[in-house]
């Protein structure tokens, strides 16, 4: 009873604390909605600018001709946030522009790539105006480029946004750090959080742009004086209820936000490497790159928890780019010293809708210690390849580079075995669910035997996944399956552990006893 009495009386004592928490939560949500609206507005504006630029180029046979200028005027008239269109060469010499005059502007940032787009983004200011604009640029041939200038976030020009006037600090910037807009007290930073400021931050989807804001807590807290009195009276009668609500609130506050995009930006997506072993020699021939989300607290989230979301949201593409860049730096030395070493990287359906993945492979691996012939890209078909012709074009371009294509999880899900010939598959990977059917060396497994026979007829290499027992390895070796991976040999591991394994199989430094890799394309 004493404990119950104390619990019932606690809300009366803790009115200020509870109300402070309520105000912080409510005002933080309001502040977050503002910065989310700012970045969403910027994202929409950039997308509209990209579409306007593409319409101009698609409907214009040549640059700076009457048709081109007419299309420019039409887009400038239709979009109030599109301020200018410029045609110039790589040295900044202008050929023409909207409104038929030379545009004097100053560049404030470097050009940033927009993941999934061919256009680039930078910040500029036009002479005579202090308002920064976003410059969206598309190359045209080797020497020229066409750019549109748009307002970074049109909603900041309107007065209807709640809390904008009360915000103590507001910054809109590129993710590289270049400020686009800065308002309020520039000395405010996140180190002051927990004292007298509330903070919020938001990212503009795939657009390399972010917004962050702070509001002084004492300023918004003063608006709740009447509620303070009401809370004091209500606490006398509803102490238990308030306590329950406080506990629920505390529990909700502990829920970790599933924010994959921020994890990618923060560099929390890390590659793990699972060795691929030659079953004939027991030697290391390469590895498959698997992604893990490593949180700041050290928690490791497996891909099954976020891959579907990444594909649906379009974040699988920037996630793969980040992964390939890390792979380049992690494995460059071993690939340079072991020319037959193979690296397998998973791709998704979105990678095959256009040719950007081919450009990405070239930009990341061209001139590196990892040659194209050492790369294997796996088709991970969580969803079917609806546009087969587009996929064919992309894979043909990848084959021209010298990389190889593997079908992951062959015979399961959307993995269509008819793709083996039509898409030019070089390797099939036998899924773990089939490998688990192997119970002993002498009992046939018709599914596996059929896949192996079909691959042999089509002159396609085979890699077995999920090998966990010696019986499975012996059965596969007896069927002339040369390459395998699984926990029998090693789990997916961090770079440091993988390099220890790789170096252990390379005695003498320059003399490698790694077995020959998959046959060259």
Protein backbone atom coordinates (compact mmCIF):
# COMPACT_ATOMS: atom_id res chain seq x y z
CA UNK A 1 0.00 0.00 0.00
CA UNK A 2 2.83 2.33 0.83
CA UNK A 3 4.34 1.72 -2.58
CA UNK A 4 0.99 2.30 -4.29
CA UNK A 5 0.55 5.54 -2.33
CA UNK A 6 3.98 6.70 -3.37
CA UNK A 7 3.29 5.84 -6.99
CA UNK A 8 -0.04 7.69 -6.87
CA UNK A 9 1.60 10.74 -5.32
CA UNK A 10 4.62 10.69 -7.64
CA UNK A 11 2.87 12.49 -10.56
CA UNK A 12 2.09 15.44 -8.29
CA UNK A 13 5.76 15.73 -7.37
CA UNK A 14 6.89 15.14 -10.94
CA UNK A 15 4.48 17.40 -12.82
CA UNK A 16 7.28 19.58 -14.15
CA UNK A 17 9.31 16.60 -15.21
CA UNK A 18 6.37 14.90 -16.96
CA UNK A 19 5.28 18.11 -18.64
CA UNK A 20 8.83 18.82 -19.76
CA UNK A 21 8.93 15.39 -21.35
CA UNK A 22 5.59 15.95 -23.02
CA UNK A 23 6.63 19.33 -24.37
CA UNK A 24 9.95 17.97 -25.63
CA UNK A 25 8.29 15.04 -27.41
CA UNK A 26 5.53 17.17 -28.95
CA UNK A 27 7.73 20.05 -30.02
CA UNK A 28 10.42 17.70 -31.33
CA UNK A 29 7.80 16.00 -33.49
CA UNK A 30 6.65 19.39 -34.72
CA UNK A 31 10.22 20.39 -35.44
CA UNK A 32 10.88 17.09 -37.19
CA UNK A 33 7.80 17.59 -39.35
CA UNK A 34 9.18 20.96 -40.43
CA UNK A 35 12.62 19.66 -41.45
CA UNK A 36 10.99 16.61 -43.10
CA UNK A 37 8.76 18.98 -45.08
CA UNK A 38 11.79 21.08 -46.07
CA UNK A 39 13.75 18.08 -47.38
CA UNK A 40 10.66 16.60 -49.05
CA UNK A 41 10.02 19.96 -50.72
CA UNK A 42 13.64 20.07 -51.89
CA UNK A 43 13.41 16.50 -53.18
CA UNK A 44 10.25 17.30 -55.15
CA UNK A 45 11.83 20.47 -56.55
CA UNK A 46 14.97 18.61 -57.67
CA UNK A 47 12.87 15.85 -59.26
CA UNK A 48 10.80 18.48 -61.11
CA UNK A 49 14.01 20.19 -62.21
CA UNK A 50 15.41 16.88 -63.49
CA UNK A 51 12.18 16.16 -65.38
CA UNK A 52 12.13 19.68 -66.86
CA UNK A 53 15.75 19.27 -67.99
CA UNK A 54 14.99 15.88 -69.53
CA UNK A 55 11.90 17.19 -71.33
CA UNK A 56 13.88 20.09 -72.78
CA UNK A 57 16.61 17.76 -74.09
CA UNK A 58 14.15 15.12 -75.34
CA UNK A 59 12.10 17.67 -77.30
CA UNK A 60 15.03 19.65 -78.73
CA UNK A 61 16.91 18.36 -81.81
CA UNK A 62 19.82 20.69 -81.04
CA UNK A 63 20.96 23.11 -78.38
CA UNK A 64 20.33 26.88 -78.46
CA UNK A 65 18.13 26.65 -81.59
CA UNK A 66 14.65 28.18 -81.74
CA UNK A 67 12.98 24.91 -80.73
CA UNK A 68 15.31 24.52 -77.77
CA UNK A 69 14.71 28.09 -76.56
CA UNK A 70 10.96 27.63 -77.00
CA UNK A 71 11.07 24.50 -74.83
CA UNK A 72 13.13 26.41 -72.25
CA UNK A 73 10.60 29.26 -72.14
CA UNK A 74 7.76 26.77 -71.77
CA UNK A 75 9.40 25.06 -68.79
CA UNK A 76 10.32 28.38 -67.14
CA UNK A 77 6.74 29.53 -67.47
CA UNK A 78 5.26 26.28 -66.15
CA UNK A 79 7.48 25.89 -63.09
CA UNK A 80 7.66 28.94 -60.75
CA UNK A 81 10.63 27.46 -58.91
CA UNK A 82 12.70 26.92 -62.07
CA UNK A 83 14.77 30.09 -62.32
CA UNK A 84 17.14 29.60 -65.24
CA UNK A 85 18.40 27.21 -67.93
CA UNK A 86 22.01 27.43 -69.12
CA UNK A 87 24.00 25.78 -71.92
CA UNK A 88 27.78 26.01 -71.44
CA UNK A 89 30.99 24.17 -72.15
CA UNK A 90 33.34 22.50 -69.69
CA UNK A 91 35.19 25.80 -69.15
CA UNK A 92 32.02 27.65 -68.17
CA UNK A 93 31.62 29.53 -71.47
CA UNK A 94 27.88 30.02 -72.01
CA UNK A 95 26.27 29.39 -75.40
CA UNK A 96 22.73 30.40 -74.46
CA UNK A 97 20.32 30.62 -71.56
CA UNK A 98 16.70 31.29 -70.65
CA UNK A 99 15.61 34.92 -71.00
CA UNK A 100 18.35 35.35 -73.65
CA UNK A 101 21.10 36.86 -71.53
CA UNK A 102 24.37 35.68 -70.02
CA UNK A 103 23.91 34.40 -66.48
CA UNK A 104 26.51 35.57 -64.01
CA UNK A 105 26.68 33.03 -61.22
CA UNK A 106 29.10 31.83 -58.57
CA UNK A 107 29.66 28.15 -57.74
CA UNK A 108 29.54 27.38 -54.01
CA UNK A 109 30.10 23.61 -53.97
CA UNK A 110 31.49 20.67 -55.85
CA UNK A 111 29.29 18.60 -58.18
CA UNK A 112 27.66 15.69 -56.33
CA UNK A 113 26.25 12.59 -58.02
CA UNK A 114 22.59 11.80 -57.40
CA UNK A 115 22.31 8.01 -56.80
CA UNK A 116 20.19 6.44 -59.54
CA UNK A 117 20.39 9.55 -61.78
CA UNK A 118 22.75 10.63 -64.55
CA UNK A 119 22.50 14.29 -63.51
CA UNK A 120 24.73 15.98 -60.94
CA UNK A 121 23.90 18.57 -58.27
CA UNK A 122 25.72 21.66 -56.98
CA UNK A 123 24.97 24.96 -55.22
CA UNK A 124 25.30 28.35 -56.96
CA UNK A 125 24.22 31.95 -56.48
CA UNK A 126 23.19 34.32 -59.26
CA UNK A 127 24.80 37.74 -59.29
CA UNK A 128 22.56 40.26 -57.57
CA UNK A 129 20.75 37.68 -55.45
CA UNK A 130 21.67 36.22 -52.07
CA UNK A 131 19.36 33.22 -52.47
CA UNK A 132 21.36 30.04 -53.18
CA UNK A 133 20.03 27.86 -56.00
CA UNK A 134 20.53 24.22 -56.86
CA UNK A 135 22.21 23.66 -60.21
CA UNK A 136 21.15 20.36 -61.86
CA UNK A 137 23.49 19.47 -64.73
CA UNK A 138 23.34 16.90 -67.52
CA UNK A 139 26.29 16.39 -69.86
CA UNK A 140 25.61 16.74 -73.58
CA UNK A 141 28.34 15.16 -75.66
CA UNK A 142 31.92 15.54 -74.52
CA UNK A 143 32.20 19.31 -74.37
CA UNK A 144 28.82 20.74 -73.41
CA UNK A 145 26.43 20.58 -70.49
CA UNK A 146 22.88 21.78 -69.93
CA UNK A 147 21.87 22.97 -66.45
CA UNK A 148 18.71 24.12 -64.75
CA UNK A 149 18.73 26.34 -61.66
CA UNK A 150 15.99 25.70 -59.11
CA UNK A 151 15.13 27.02 -55.66
CA UNK A 152 16.47 24.65 -53.00
CA UNK A 153 13.31 24.50 -50.87
CA UNK A 154 10.40 26.67 -52.04
CA UNK A 155 8.47 26.26 -48.79
CA UNK A 156 11.01 28.48 -47.02
CA UNK A 157 9.72 31.34 -49.15
CA UNK A 158 6.22 30.89 -47.72
CA UNK A 159 5.11 32.03 -44.27
CA UNK A 160 2.55 29.30 -43.60
CA UNK A 161 4.97 26.79 -42.03
CA UNK A 162 4.39 26.47 -38.31
CA UNK A 163 7.45 26.91 -36.07
CA UNK A 164 9.63 28.45 -38.80
CA UNK A 165 9.46 31.81 -37.03
CA UNK A 166 10.34 30.21 -33.65
CA UNK A 167 13.25 28.14 -34.90
CA UNK A 168 16.49 29.22 -33.25
CA UNK A 169 18.72 27.58 -35.84
CA UNK A 170 18.01 26.23 -39.33
CA UNK A 171 20.51 24.86 -41.81
CA UNK A 172 19.88 23.34 -45.23
CA UNK A 173 23.03 21.83 -46.76
CA UNK A 174 24.41 19.27 -49.17
CA UNK A 175 25.46 16.01 -47.52
CA UNK A 176 29.05 16.99 -48.34
CA UNK A 177 28.68 19.88 -45.85
CA UNK A 178 28.19 22.87 -48.17
CA UNK A 179 25.49 25.13 -46.70
CA UNK A 180 22.59 26.19 -48.91
CA UNK A 181 20.68 28.16 -46.32
CA UNK A 182 21.59 29.19 -42.76
CA UNK A 183 19.27 31.00 -40.37
CA UNK A 184 19.39 31.95 -36.71
CA UNK A 185 22.11 31.41 -34.12
CA UNK A 186 25.05 29.80 -35.89
CA UNK A 187 26.71 28.92 -32.59
CA UNK A 188 24.02 26.32 -31.80
CA UNK A 189 25.24 22.75 -32.26
CA UNK A 190 24.18 19.29 -31.15
CA UNK A 191 26.61 19.35 -28.24
CA UNK A 192 24.14 21.66 -26.50
CA UNK A 193 21.38 19.06 -26.78
CA UNK A 194 20.00 18.06 -23.40
CA UNK A 195 20.35 21.60 -22.05
CA UNK A 196 18.03 24.16 -23.60
CA UNK A 197 17.60 23.14 -27.25
CA UNK A 198 15.54 20.59 -29.19
CA UNK A 199 17.00 19.25 -32.42
CA UNK A 200 15.75 17.56 -35.60
CA UNK A 201 17.45 16.40 -38.79
CA UNK A 202 16.15 15.03 -42.09
CA UNK A 203 17.61 13.74 -45.37
CA UNK A 204 16.06 14.31 -48.83
CA UNK A 205 15.78 10.67 -49.95
CA UNK A 206 18.35 9.89 -52.65
CA UNK A 207 19.06 13.61 -53.17
CA UNK A 208 22.36 14.51 -51.42
CA UNK A 209 20.72 17.17 -49.28
CA UNK A 210 19.84 17.44 -45.59
CA UNK A 211 18.18 19.88 -43.20
CA UNK A 212 18.69 20.34 -39.49
CA UNK A 213 17.01 22.68 -37.03
CA UNK A 214 17.00 23.60 -33.35
CA UNK A 215 14.51 25.43 -31.16
CA UNK A 216 15.12 26.83 -27.69
CA UNK A 217 13.23 24.68 -25.18
CA UNK A 218 12.52 27.48 -22.72
CA UNK A 219 10.91 29.47 -25.52
CA UNK A 220 8.39 26.75 -26.43
CA UNK A 221 7.97 25.65 -22.79
CA UNK A 222 6.58 29.07 -21.85
CA UNK A 223 3.60 28.45 -24.12
CA UNK A 224 2.43 25.64 -21.83
CA UNK A 225 1.83 27.61 -18.58
CA UNK A 226 -1.91 26.96 -18.56
CA UNK A 227 -1.32 23.28 -19.20
CA UNK A 228 1.14 23.28 -16.29
CA UNK A 229 -1.65 24.32 -13.93
CA UNK A 230 -4.04 21.79 -15.42
CA UNK A 231 -1.49 19.03 -15.06
CA UNK A 232 -0.97 19.86 -11.40
CA UNK A 233 -4.71 19.56 -10.69
CA UNK A 234 -5.16 16.44 -12.83
CA UNK A 235 -2.15 14.77 -11.19
CA UNK A 236 -4.02 14.72 -7.87
CA UNK A 237 -6.77 12.53 -9.36
CA UNK A 238 -5.08 10.70 -12.23
CA UNK A 239 -1.68 9.86 -10.79
CA UNK A 240 -1.84 6.19 -11.66
CA UNK A 241 -3.04 6.84 -15.19
CA UNK A 242 -0.33 9.40 -15.76
CA UNK A 243 2.22 6.92 -14.40
CA UNK A 244 1.04 4.23 -16.86
CA UNK A 245 1.17 6.70 -19.73
CA UNK A 246 4.65 7.78 -18.65
CA UNK A 247 5.82 4.16 -18.66
CA UNK A 248 4.32 3.64 -22.12
CA UNK A 249 5.98 6.79 -23.32
CA UNK A 250 9.33 5.67 -21.93
CA UNK A 251 8.97 2.33 -23.71
CA UNK A 252 8.11 4.02 -26.99
CA UNK A 253 11.09 6.31 -26.61
CA UNK A 254 13.34 3.24 -26.47
CA UNK A 255 12.16 1.89 -29.83
CA UNK A 256 15.01 2.11 -32.29
CA UNK A 257 13.99 3.86 -35.51
CA UNK A 258 14.46 1.65 -38.57
CA UNK A 259 16.30 4.23 -40.60
CA UNK A 260 18.26 2.48 -43.32
CA UNK A 261 18.96 5.65 -45.26
CA UNK A 262 20.74 7.29 -42.36
CA UNK A 263 22.72 4.09 -41.80
CA UNK A 264 23.97 4.22 -45.41
CA UNK A 265 24.94 7.89 -45.09
CA UNK A 266 26.66 7.21 -41.75
CA UNK A 267 28.68 4.33 -43.22
CA UNK A 268 27.08 1.71 -40.96
CA UNK A 269 26.59 -0.79 -43.82
CA UNK A 270 29.66 -3.05 -43.78
CA UNK A 271 30.83 -5.89 -46.02
CA UNK A 272 31.39 -9.35 -44.58
CA UNK A 273 33.35 -11.87 -46.62
CA UNK A 274 32.53 -15.59 -46.90
CA UNK A 275 35.32 -17.72 -48.41
CA UNK A 276 34.71 -19.85 -51.53
CA UNK A 277 36.73 -23.09 -51.37
CA UNK A 278 38.02 -25.45 -54.05
CA UNK A 279 36.64 -28.86 -53.01
CA UNK A 280 39.37 -30.69 -54.95
CA UNK A 281 42.31 -28.95 -53.29
CA UNK A 282 40.84 -27.35 -50.17
CA UNK A 283 42.32 -24.02 -51.23
CA UNK A 284 40.73 -20.56 -51.16
CA UNK A 285 39.56 -19.30 -54.58
CA UNK A 286 37.62 -16.18 -53.66
CA UNK A 287 34.75 -14.88 -51.57
CA UNK A 288 31.17 -13.69 -51.62
CA UNK A 289 30.51 -10.20 -50.27
CA UNK A 290 27.59 -10.10 -47.82
CA UNK A 291 26.27 -6.94 -46.22
CA UNK A 292 25.65 -6.34 -42.52
CA UNK A 293 24.21 -3.32 -40.72
CA UNK A 294 26.57 -2.56 -37.82
CA UNK A 295 24.92 -0.13 -35.41
CA UNK A 296 26.84 2.32 -33.25
CA UNK A 297 26.23 0.17 -30.19
CA UNK A 298 27.84 -2.82 -31.93
CA UNK A 299 24.58 -4.61 -32.73
CA UNK A 300 24.79 -6.54 -36.01
CA UNK A 301 21.59 -6.63 -38.09
CA UNK A 302 21.48 -9.39 -40.75
CA UNK A 303 20.39 -8.51 -44.30
CA UNK A 304 17.09 -10.36 -44.00
CA UNK A 305 15.86 -7.55 -41.74
CA UNK A 306 16.38 -4.73 -44.25
CA UNK A 307 17.02 -6.01 -47.79
CA UNK A 308 13.32 -6.05 -48.78
CA UNK A 309 12.90 -2.49 -47.52
CA UNK A 310 16.06 -1.42 -49.35
CA UNK A 311 14.74 -2.79 -52.64
CA UNK A 312 11.26 -1.29 -52.27
CA UNK A 313 12.62 2.14 -51.30
CA UNK A 314 15.31 2.25 -54.00
CA UNK A 315 18.06 2.38 -51.37
CA UNK A 316 19.54 -0.92 -52.59
CA UNK A 317 21.38 0.99 -55.33
CA UNK A 318 23.28 3.49 -53.13
CA UNK A 319 23.80 0.68 -50.61
CA UNK A 320 25.47 -1.47 -53.30
CA UNK A 321 27.62 1.47 -54.44
CA UNK A 322 28.85 1.99 -50.90
CA UNK A 323 29.55 -1.74 -50.59
CA UNK A 324 31.55 -1.86 -53.85
CA UNK A 325 33.65 1.12 -52.79
CA UNK A 326 34.51 -0.60 -49.52
CA UNK A 327 35.33 -3.85 -51.33
CA UNK A 328 37.73 -2.00 -53.61
CA UNK A 329 39.74 -0.68 -50.68
CA UNK A 330 39.47 -3.89 -48.63
CA UNK A 331 40.52 -6.45 -51.27
CA UNK A 332 42.65 -4.45 -53.70
CA UNK A 333 45.94 -5.83 -52.36
CA UNK A 334 44.94 -9.50 -52.33
CA UNK A 335 43.45 -9.23 -55.84
CA UNK A 336 46.60 -7.59 -57.13
CA UNK A 337 48.79 -10.35 -55.71
CA UNK A 338 46.44 -13.24 -56.61
CA UNK A 339 45.19 -12.65 -60.18
CA UNK A 340 42.75 -15.63 -60.08
CA UNK A 341 41.01 -14.47 -56.90
CA UNK A 342 37.25 -13.96 -57.49
CA UNK A 343 34.88 -11.56 -55.67
CA UNK A 344 31.11 -12.16 -55.84
CA UNK A 345 28.79 -9.18 -55.25
CA UNK A 346 24.98 -9.35 -55.13
CA UNK A 347 22.86 -7.13 -57.39
CA UNK A 348 19.12 -6.48 -57.30
CA UNK A 349 16.34 -6.11 -59.86
CA UNK A 350 16.65 -2.31 -59.76
CA UNK A 351 20.22 -2.53 -61.06
CA UNK A 352 18.96 -4.00 -64.35
CA UNK A 353 16.39 -1.32 -65.23
CA UNK A 354 19.03 0.91 -66.80
CA UNK A 355 22.75 0.89 -67.51
CA UNK A 356 23.89 2.89 -64.50
CA UNK A 357 25.36 -0.18 -62.76
CA UNK A 358 27.81 -0.61 -65.64
CA UNK A 359 29.01 2.99 -65.24
CA UNK A 360 29.22 2.46 -61.48
CA UNK A 361 31.40 -0.65 -61.90
CA UNK A 362 33.73 1.26 -64.21
CA UNK A 363 33.96 4.34 -61.99
CA UNK A 364 34.77 2.25 -58.90
CA UNK A 365 37.03 -0.51 -60.25
CA UNK A 366 38.66 1.10 -63.32
CA UNK A 367 42.37 1.51 -62.61
CA UNK A 368 42.14 -0.29 -59.26
CA UNK A 369 44.01 -3.41 -58.16
CA UNK A 370 40.83 -5.42 -58.82
CA UNK A 371 40.48 -6.34 -62.48
CA UNK A 372 37.11 -6.82 -64.15
CA UNK A 373 37.81 -10.52 -64.70
CA UNK A 374 38.04 -10.96 -60.93
CA UNK A 375 34.46 -9.70 -60.41
CA UNK A 376 31.35 -11.89 -60.31
CA UNK A 377 27.94 -10.22 -59.99
CA UNK A 378 25.12 -12.37 -58.67
CA UNK A 379 21.49 -11.91 -59.72
CA UNK A 380 19.50 -12.00 -56.51
CA UNK A 381 15.92 -12.39 -57.71
CA UNK A 382 13.72 -11.44 -54.81
CA UNK A 383 11.45 -10.07 -57.53
CA UNK A 384 11.19 -11.24 -61.18
CA UNK A 385 13.10 -9.53 -63.97
CA UNK A 386 10.09 -7.97 -65.67
CA UNK A 387 12.02 -6.14 -68.37
CA UNK A 388 14.09 -8.94 -69.90
CA UNK A 389 15.38 -6.81 -72.79
CA UNK A 390 16.75 -4.16 -70.41
CA UNK A 391 18.40 -6.87 -68.30
CA UNK A 392 19.97 -8.34 -71.46
CA UNK A 393 21.44 -4.96 -72.42
CA UNK A 394 22.91 -4.44 -68.96
CA UNK A 395 24.39 -7.94 -68.77
CA UNK A 396 25.85 -7.68 -72.27
CA UNK A 397 27.57 -4.46 -71.26
CA UNK A 398 28.88 -6.13 -68.10
CA UNK A 399 30.20 -9.07 -70.11
CA UNK A 400 32.03 -6.64 -72.43
CA UNK A 401 33.87 -5.32 -69.39
CA UNK A 402 34.96 -8.87 -68.59
CA UNK A 403 32.94 -9.45 -65.42
CA UNK A 404 30.96 -12.66 -64.95
CA UNK A 405 27.29 -13.16 -64.08
CA UNK A 406 26.04 -15.72 -61.56
CA UNK A 407 22.49 -16.84 -60.79
CA UNK A 408 22.07 -16.95 -57.04
CA UNK A 409 19.72 -19.50 -55.39
CA UNK A 410 19.26 -21.38 -58.68
CA UNK A 411 15.91 -23.15 -58.92
CA UNK A 412 14.21 -21.25 -56.07
CA UNK A 413 11.84 -18.29 -55.89
CA UNK A 414 11.85 -16.19 -59.05
CA UNK A 415 15.13 -17.74 -60.26
CA UNK A 416 14.01 -18.94 -63.69
CA UNK A 417 16.25 -21.64 -65.11
CA UNK A 418 15.31 -20.42 -68.59
CA UNK A 419 17.53 -17.39 -67.86
CA UNK A 420 20.61 -19.59 -68.08
CA UNK A 421 20.75 -19.30 -71.88
CA UNK A 422 18.78 -16.11 -72.58
CA UNK A 423 20.72 -13.92 -70.14
CA UNK A 424 24.15 -15.44 -70.67
CA UNK A 425 24.64 -16.77 -67.14
CA UNK A 426 28.22 -17.90 -66.43
CA UNK A 427 27.74 -19.49 -63.00
CA UNK A 428 24.86 -21.03 -61.07
CA UNK A 429 24.85 -21.20 -57.28
CA UNK A 430 23.04 -24.21 -55.83
CA UNK A 431 20.88 -23.00 -52.95
CA UNK A 432 21.31 -24.23 -49.40
CA UNK A 433 17.84 -25.81 -49.36
CA UNK A 434 19.00 -28.31 -52.00
CA UNK A 435 22.39 -28.91 -50.38
CA UNK A 436 20.59 -29.78 -47.12
CA UNK A 437 18.95 -32.70 -48.97
CA UNK A 438 22.32 -34.45 -49.00
CA UNK A 439 22.38 -36.87 -46.05
CA UNK A 440 25.22 -39.16 -47.04
CA UNK A 441 27.65 -39.66 -49.87
CA UNK A 442 25.94 -42.67 -51.46
CA UNK A 443 22.29 -41.51 -51.55
CA UNK A 444 21.47 -39.66 -54.80
CA UNK A 445 19.79 -36.23 -54.70
CA UNK A 446 18.01 -35.92 -58.09
CA UNK A 447 17.48 -32.14 -57.84
CA UNK A 448 21.17 -31.43 -57.34
CA UNK A 449 22.22 -34.03 -59.90
CA UNK A 450 19.85 -32.43 -62.44
CA UNK A 451 21.18 -28.92 -61.83
CA UNK A 452 24.77 -30.13 -62.15
CA UNK A 453 24.02 -32.02 -65.37
CA UNK A 454 22.22 -29.05 -66.89
CA UNK A 455 25.08 -26.70 -65.99
CA UNK A 456 27.60 -29.10 -67.51
CA UNK A 457 25.58 -29.25 -70.76
CA UNK A 458 25.51 -25.46 -70.96
CA UNK A 459 29.20 -25.12 -69.99
CA UNK A 460 28.29 -23.18 -66.85
CA UNK A 461 30.31 -23.29 -63.63
CA UNK A 462 28.66 -24.44 -60.38
CA UNK A 463 29.12 -23.12 -56.84
CA UNK A 464 27.37 -24.87 -53.93
CA UNK A 465 26.12 -22.68 -51.08
CA UNK A 466 25.35 -23.58 -47.48
CA UNK A 467 27.71 -26.55 -47.20
CA UNK A 468 27.72 -27.46 -43.52
CA UNK A 469 28.69 -31.14 -43.29
CA UNK A 470 31.54 -33.26 -44.54
CA UNK A 471 29.04 -35.60 -46.24
CA UNK A 472 27.70 -32.72 -48.31
CA UNK A 473 31.19 -31.67 -49.36
CA UNK A 474 32.16 -35.23 -50.32
CA UNK A 475 28.95 -35.77 -52.29
CA UNK A 476 29.42 -32.52 -54.24
CA UNK A 477 33.08 -33.28 -54.93
CA UNK A 478 32.12 -36.72 -56.19
CA UNK A 479 29.73 -35.00 -58.63
CA UNK A 480 32.60 -32.81 -59.87
CA UNK A 481 31.34 -29.65 -58.18
CA UNK A 482 34.58 -27.76 -57.65
CA UNK A 483 33.56 -24.66 -55.70
CA UNK A 484 31.62 -24.38 -52.46
CA UNK A 485 30.98 -22.08 -49.54
CA UNK A 486 29.34 -22.60 -46.16
CA UNK A 487 29.88 -22.89 -42.44
CA UNK A 488 31.80 -26.14 -42.88
CA UNK A 489 34.65 -23.97 -44.16
CA UNK A 490 33.98 -20.54 -42.64
CA UNK A 491 31.08 -18.18 -41.88
CA UNK A 492 30.85 -14.67 -43.32
CA UNK A 493 33.54 -12.73 -41.50
CA UNK A 494 34.89 -9.24 -41.01
CA UNK A 495 37.74 -8.06 -43.21
CA UNK A 496 40.39 -8.56 -40.52
CA UNK A 497 39.45 -12.20 -39.95
CA UNK A 498 39.12 -12.89 -43.66
CA UNK A 499 42.58 -11.48 -44.40
CA UNK A 500 44.06 -13.64 -41.65
CA UNK A 501 42.54 -16.68 -43.37
CA UNK A 502 43.67 -15.54 -46.82
CA UNK A 503 47.22 -14.79 -45.67
CA UNK A 504 47.41 -18.12 -43.88
CA UNK A 505 46.83 -19.77 -47.25
CA UNK A 506 49.56 -17.69 -48.86
CA UNK A 507 52.83 -18.73 -47.18
CA UNK A 508 55.98 -16.90 -48.13
CA UNK A 509 54.22 -13.67 -49.06
CA UNK A 510 54.76 -13.84 -52.83
CA UNK A 511 54.16 -17.56 -53.29
CA UNK A 512 50.43 -18.28 -53.30
CA UNK A 513 48.91 -21.69 -52.77
CA UNK A 514 45.41 -20.40 -53.53
CA UNK A 515 43.77 -22.72 -56.02
CA UNK A 516 42.95 -21.45 -59.52
CA UNK A 517 39.67 -19.52 -59.59
CA UNK A 518 36.60 -20.03 -61.70
CA UNK A 519 37.47 -20.33 -65.34
CA UNK A 520 37.90 -17.05 -67.16
CA UNK A 521 34.99 -15.61 -69.12
